Amino acid sequence: MKRTVFYSWQSDLPNATNRSFIENALKDAAKQIAQDESIGVDPVIDRDTQGMAGAPDISLAIFSKISAADLFVADISFVANNENRFIPNPNVMVELGYALKAKGHEALVLV
C-alpha cells in the first residue's frame, strides 16, 4: 500500500545538517519499511513542486500535496533569532499550519 510523506524543508541552514540530511534519512527509512513485507507499506517521499511539470503555482501545488499526503514532516530548526526569540523558517511554518488544519496532530512529525 502506497503512503505519501510530504517533507517541508528549509535551506537557511547547512544542507549537510538539515535539508539533505533529513531527506536522506526519510528515504532510508522509507526503503527499509518498503523492504519489510510484514508491514505492507510502500512509503513515497514528496516535497515542494517535485515531479510537477512547467511552472506550477507553488503555494497551490504544495497545499495540494500536503492535503493528499498521509504524513507531514517539517524541519522546524531555528534559522534566526531576534531579541531572545528563536525563529524557524517562515515558509515551513506556513506549511506546518496548513498541515495541522488539513491532517491533524496525528499526521505531523516535527524535526
N, C-alpha and C. Protein backbone atom coordinates (compact mmCIF):
# COMPACT_ATOMS: atom_id res chain seq x y z
N MET A 1 0.85 -1.17 0.00
CA MET A 1 0.00 0.00 0.00
C MET A 1 0.90 1.24 0.00
N LYS A 2 0.68 2.12 -0.97
CA LYS A 2 1.48 3.34 -1.08
C LYS A 2 1.04 4.35 -0.02
N ARG A 3 2.01 4.96 0.65
CA ARG A 3 1.77 6.02 1.63
C ARG A 3 2.73 7.17 1.30
N THR A 4 2.19 8.37 1.23
CA THR A 4 3.00 9.53 0.87
C THR A 4 3.38 10.33 2.10
N VAL A 5 4.66 10.67 2.18
CA VAL A 5 5.20 11.52 3.24
C VAL A 5 5.62 12.83 2.59
N PHE A 6 5.02 13.93 3.01
CA PHE A 6 5.42 15.24 2.47
C PHE A 6 6.46 15.84 3.40
N TYR A 7 7.57 16.26 2.83
CA TYR A 7 8.69 16.82 3.60
C TYR A 7 8.78 18.33 3.35
N SER A 8 8.58 19.10 4.40
CA SER A 8 8.70 20.56 4.34
C SER A 8 10.09 20.93 4.84
N TRP A 9 10.92 21.45 3.95
CA TRP A 9 12.33 21.70 4.24
C TRP A 9 12.64 23.19 4.21
N GLN A 10 13.81 23.52 4.75
CA GLN A 10 14.31 24.89 4.68
C GLN A 10 15.76 24.84 4.23
N SER A 11 16.19 25.92 3.59
CA SER A 11 17.57 25.96 3.08
C SER A 11 18.40 27.05 3.75
N ASP A 12 17.93 27.54 4.89
CA ASP A 12 18.68 28.58 5.61
C ASP A 12 19.91 28.02 6.31
N LEU A 13 19.83 26.79 6.76
CA LEU A 13 20.93 26.15 7.48
C LEU A 13 21.69 25.22 6.53
N PRO A 14 22.87 24.77 6.93
CA PRO A 14 23.68 23.93 6.04
C PRO A 14 22.92 22.68 5.55
N ASN A 15 23.06 22.44 4.27
CA ASN A 15 22.43 21.30 3.61
C ASN A 15 22.80 19.98 4.27
N ALA A 16 24.04 19.86 4.67
CA ALA A 16 24.55 18.60 5.24
C ALA A 16 23.92 18.26 6.58
N THR A 17 23.41 19.26 7.30
CA THR A 17 22.82 19.00 8.61
C THR A 17 21.32 19.19 8.63
N ASN A 18 20.76 19.63 7.54
CA ASN A 18 19.32 19.86 7.53
C ASN A 18 18.66 19.27 6.29
N ARG A 19 18.47 20.06 5.26
CA ARG A 19 17.65 19.63 4.12
C ARG A 19 18.01 18.24 3.61
N SER A 20 19.22 18.06 3.12
CA SER A 20 19.62 16.76 2.56
C SER A 20 19.73 15.69 3.63
N PHE A 21 20.23 16.06 4.79
CA PHE A 21 20.38 15.09 5.88
C PHE A 21 19.03 14.48 6.24
N ILE A 22 18.04 15.34 6.45
CA ILE A 22 16.71 14.85 6.83
C ILE A 22 16.06 14.09 5.68
N GLU A 23 16.17 14.63 4.47
CA GLU A 23 15.57 13.95 3.32
C GLU A 23 16.19 12.58 3.09
N ASN A 24 17.50 12.48 3.23
CA ASN A 24 18.16 11.18 3.08
C ASN A 24 17.73 10.20 4.16
N ALA A 25 17.56 10.70 5.38
CA ALA A 25 17.09 9.84 6.47
C ALA A 25 15.67 9.34 6.18
N LEU A 26 14.82 10.21 5.66
CA LEU A 26 13.46 9.80 5.29
C LEU A 26 13.49 8.75 4.19
N LYS A 27 14.32 8.96 3.19
CA LYS A 27 14.43 8.00 2.08
C LYS A 27 14.96 6.65 2.57
N ASP A 28 15.95 6.68 3.47
CA ASP A 28 16.49 5.43 4.02
C ASP A 28 15.42 4.69 4.82
N ALA A 29 14.68 5.42 5.64
CA ALA A 29 13.61 4.80 6.43
C ALA A 29 12.53 4.22 5.51
N ALA A 30 12.17 4.98 4.47
CA ALA A 30 11.15 4.50 3.52
C ALA A 30 11.61 3.23 2.83
N LYS A 31 12.87 3.17 2.48
CA LYS A 31 13.41 1.98 1.82
C LYS A 31 13.34 0.76 2.74
N GLN A 32 13.71 0.95 4.00
CA GLN A 32 13.66 -0.16 4.95
C GLN A 32 12.22 -0.63 5.19
N ILE A 33 11.31 0.32 5.30
CA ILE A 33 9.90 -0.03 5.51
C ILE A 33 9.36 -0.79 4.30
N ALA A 34 9.69 -0.31 3.10
CA ALA A 34 9.20 -0.96 1.87
C ALA A 34 9.72 -2.38 1.74
N GLN A 35 10.92 -2.65 2.25
CA GLN A 35 11.51 -3.98 2.15
C GLN A 35 10.93 -4.97 3.15
N ASP A 36 10.25 -4.47 4.17
CA ASP A 36 9.67 -5.33 5.19
C ASP A 36 8.24 -5.70 4.78
N GLU A 37 8.08 -6.89 4.22
CA GLU A 37 6.78 -7.32 3.71
C GLU A 37 5.72 -7.45 4.81
N SER A 38 6.15 -7.62 6.06
CA SER A 38 5.18 -7.75 7.14
C SER A 38 4.45 -6.43 7.41
N ILE A 39 5.05 -5.32 7.00
CA ILE A 39 4.42 -4.01 7.20
C ILE A 39 3.42 -3.73 6.08
N GLY A 40 3.79 -4.08 4.86
CA GLY A 40 2.88 -3.91 3.73
C GLY A 40 2.67 -2.47 3.30
N VAL A 41 3.67 -1.63 3.52
CA VAL A 41 3.57 -0.22 3.16
C VAL A 41 4.74 0.15 2.26
N ASP A 42 4.43 0.93 1.23
CA ASP A 42 5.46 1.43 0.32
C ASP A 42 5.49 2.96 0.44
N PRO A 43 6.33 3.49 1.35
CA PRO A 43 6.36 4.94 1.55
C PRO A 43 7.01 5.67 0.37
N VAL A 44 6.44 6.82 0.03
CA VAL A 44 6.97 7.68 -1.02
C VAL A 44 7.23 9.04 -0.40
N ILE A 45 8.45 9.55 -0.55
CA ILE A 45 8.80 10.86 -0.01
C ILE A 45 8.56 11.90 -1.09
N ASP A 46 7.78 12.93 -0.75
CA ASP A 46 7.48 14.00 -1.69
C ASP A 46 7.82 15.33 -1.03
N ARG A 47 8.00 16.36 -1.85
CA ARG A 47 8.31 17.69 -1.33
C ARG A 47 7.99 18.74 -2.38
N ASP A 48 7.89 19.95 -1.97
CA ASP A 48 7.70 21.15 -2.80
C ASP A 48 6.97 20.86 -4.10
N THR A 49 7.52 21.28 -5.23
CA THR A 49 6.88 21.03 -6.53
C THR A 49 7.57 19.89 -7.28
N GLN A 50 8.28 19.07 -6.55
CA GLN A 50 8.98 17.92 -7.14
C GLN A 50 8.02 17.10 -7.99
N GLY A 51 8.47 16.78 -9.21
CA GLY A 51 7.68 15.94 -10.09
C GLY A 51 6.60 16.66 -10.87
N MET A 52 6.47 17.96 -10.69
CA MET A 52 5.45 18.72 -11.40
C MET A 52 6.09 19.41 -12.60
N ALA A 53 5.42 19.34 -13.72
CA ALA A 53 5.96 19.93 -14.95
C ALA A 53 5.70 21.43 -15.02
N GLY A 54 6.54 22.12 -15.77
CA GLY A 54 6.34 23.53 -16.03
C GLY A 54 6.59 24.40 -14.81
N ALA A 55 5.82 25.47 -14.72
CA ALA A 55 5.95 26.43 -13.62
C ALA A 55 4.63 26.48 -12.85
N PRO A 56 4.40 25.50 -11.98
CA PRO A 56 3.12 25.45 -11.26
C PRO A 56 3.01 26.58 -10.24
N ASP A 57 1.79 26.87 -9.85
CA ASP A 57 1.55 27.80 -8.74
C ASP A 57 2.10 27.10 -7.50
N ILE A 58 3.17 27.63 -6.95
CA ILE A 58 3.90 26.93 -5.88
C ILE A 58 3.03 26.69 -4.66
N SER A 59 2.35 27.72 -4.17
CA SER A 59 1.55 27.52 -2.95
C SER A 59 0.42 26.54 -3.19
N LEU A 60 -0.26 26.64 -4.32
CA LEU A 60 -1.34 25.70 -4.62
C LEU A 60 -0.81 24.27 -4.72
N ALA A 61 0.33 24.12 -5.38
CA ALA A 61 0.94 22.79 -5.53
C ALA A 61 1.29 22.20 -4.17
N ILE A 62 1.95 22.99 -3.34
CA ILE A 62 2.37 22.50 -2.02
C ILE A 62 1.16 22.17 -1.15
N PHE A 63 0.17 23.05 -1.10
CA PHE A 63 -1.00 22.79 -0.27
C PHE A 63 -1.76 21.56 -0.77
N SER A 64 -1.84 21.37 -2.07
CA SER A 64 -2.50 20.18 -2.62
C SER A 64 -1.75 18.91 -2.22
N LYS A 65 -0.43 18.97 -2.31
CA LYS A 65 0.38 17.80 -1.94
C LYS A 65 0.25 17.50 -0.45
N ILE A 66 0.24 18.54 0.38
CA ILE A 66 0.08 18.33 1.82
C ILE A 66 -1.26 17.67 2.10
N SER A 67 -2.32 18.17 1.47
CA SER A 67 -3.66 17.59 1.68
C SER A 67 -3.71 16.12 1.28
N ALA A 68 -3.01 15.77 0.22
CA ALA A 68 -3.04 14.40 -0.29
C ALA A 68 -2.11 13.46 0.47
N ALA A 69 -1.15 14.01 1.20
CA ALA A 69 -0.15 13.18 1.90
C ALA A 69 -0.76 12.46 3.09
N ASP A 70 -0.13 11.35 3.46
CA ASP A 70 -0.54 10.60 4.65
C ASP A 70 0.18 11.08 5.90
N LEU A 71 1.36 11.65 5.70
CA LEU A 71 2.20 12.10 6.81
C LEU A 71 2.91 13.37 6.39
N PHE A 72 3.11 14.29 7.32
CA PHE A 72 3.78 15.56 7.06
C PHE A 72 4.99 15.66 7.99
N VAL A 73 6.16 15.86 7.42
CA VAL A 73 7.40 16.01 8.19
C VAL A 73 7.94 17.42 7.93
N ALA A 74 8.21 18.16 9.00
CA ALA A 74 8.68 19.54 8.86
C ALA A 74 10.00 19.76 9.60
N ASP A 75 10.92 20.44 8.95
CA ASP A 75 12.17 20.86 9.58
C ASP A 75 11.91 22.20 10.26
N ILE A 76 11.71 22.17 11.57
CA ILE A 76 11.41 23.39 12.31
C ILE A 76 12.64 23.94 13.04
N SER A 77 13.81 23.62 12.52
CA SER A 77 15.05 24.15 13.10
C SER A 77 15.00 25.67 13.11
N PHE A 78 15.58 26.25 14.15
CA PHE A 78 15.64 27.70 14.23
C PHE A 78 16.65 28.23 13.22
N VAL A 79 16.25 29.20 12.42
CA VAL A 79 17.12 29.75 11.39
C VAL A 79 17.58 31.17 11.71
N ALA A 80 16.98 31.77 12.74
CA ALA A 80 17.35 33.13 13.14
C ALA A 80 16.90 33.35 14.57
N ASN A 81 17.37 34.44 15.15
CA ASN A 81 16.84 34.85 16.46
C ASN A 81 16.77 36.37 16.50
N ASN A 82 15.85 36.84 17.32
CA ASN A 82 15.60 38.27 17.42
C ASN A 82 15.21 38.57 18.85
N GLU A 83 16.06 39.29 19.55
CA GLU A 83 15.78 39.66 20.94
C GLU A 83 15.34 38.46 21.78
N ASN A 84 16.17 37.44 21.78
CA ASN A 84 15.96 36.22 22.56
C ASN A 84 14.80 35.35 22.08
N ARG A 85 14.31 35.61 20.89
CA ARG A 85 13.29 34.75 20.29
C ARG A 85 13.94 33.98 19.15
N PHE A 86 13.74 32.69 19.17
CA PHE A 86 14.28 31.85 18.11
C PHE A 86 13.21 31.67 17.04
N ILE A 87 13.62 31.74 15.78
CA ILE A 87 12.68 31.81 14.68
C ILE A 87 12.93 30.67 13.68
N PRO A 88 11.92 29.81 13.46
CA PRO A 88 12.03 28.80 12.40
C PRO A 88 11.77 29.45 11.04
N ASN A 89 12.01 28.72 9.98
CA ASN A 89 11.77 29.23 8.63
C ASN A 89 10.28 29.54 8.45
N PRO A 90 9.94 30.75 8.01
CA PRO A 90 8.52 31.12 7.90
C PRO A 90 7.74 30.29 6.87
N ASN A 91 8.38 29.89 5.78
CA ASN A 91 7.67 29.06 4.79
C ASN A 91 7.29 27.71 5.38
N VAL A 92 8.21 27.13 6.14
CA VAL A 92 7.92 25.85 6.80
C VAL A 92 6.78 26.03 7.79
N MET A 93 6.74 27.16 8.50
CA MET A 93 5.67 27.41 9.47
C MET A 93 4.31 27.53 8.78
N VAL A 94 4.26 28.18 7.62
CA VAL A 94 3.00 28.27 6.87
C VAL A 94 2.54 26.87 6.47
N GLU A 95 3.47 26.07 5.94
CA GLU A 95 3.13 24.71 5.53
C GLU A 95 2.71 23.87 6.73
N LEU A 96 3.38 24.06 7.87
CA LEU A 96 3.01 23.33 9.08
C LEU A 96 1.61 23.71 9.54
N GLY A 97 1.29 24.99 9.52
CA GLY A 97 -0.06 25.43 9.90
C GLY A 97 -1.12 24.82 9.00
N TYR A 98 -0.85 24.79 7.71
CA TYR A 98 -1.79 24.19 6.77
C TYR A 98 -1.93 22.69 7.04
N ALA A 99 -0.80 22.04 7.26
CA ALA A 99 -0.83 20.59 7.53
C ALA A 99 -1.58 20.29 8.81
N LEU A 100 -1.41 21.12 9.82
CA LEU A 100 -2.12 20.91 11.08
C LEU A 100 -3.63 20.96 10.85
N LYS A 101 -4.08 21.93 10.08
CA LYS A 101 -5.50 22.04 9.78
C LYS A 101 -5.98 20.89 8.88
N ALA A 102 -5.18 20.57 7.86
CA ALA A 102 -5.59 19.57 6.87
C ALA A 102 -5.47 18.14 7.39
N LYS A 103 -4.44 17.86 8.20
CA LYS A 103 -4.13 16.48 8.59
C LYS A 103 -4.37 16.18 10.07
N GLY A 104 -4.28 17.20 10.92
CA GLY A 104 -4.39 16.98 12.36
C GLY A 104 -3.04 16.62 12.96
N HIS A 105 -2.96 16.67 14.28
CA HIS A 105 -1.71 16.41 15.01
C HIS A 105 -1.14 15.02 14.74
N GLU A 106 -2.01 14.04 14.55
CA GLU A 106 -1.58 12.65 14.43
C GLU A 106 -0.70 12.39 13.22
N ALA A 107 -0.78 13.25 12.21
CA ALA A 107 -0.04 13.03 10.96
C ALA A 107 1.17 13.94 10.83
N LEU A 108 1.59 14.56 11.93
CA LEU A 108 2.71 15.51 11.88
C LEU A 108 3.94 14.94 12.58
N VAL A 109 5.10 15.15 11.97
CA VAL A 109 6.39 14.83 12.59
C VAL A 109 7.24 16.08 12.47
N LEU A 110 7.68 16.60 13.61
CA LEU A 110 8.49 17.82 13.62
C LEU A 110 9.93 17.47 13.94
N VAL A 111 10.84 17.91 13.07
CA VAL A 111 12.26 17.61 13.22
C VAL A 111 12.99 18.90 13.54
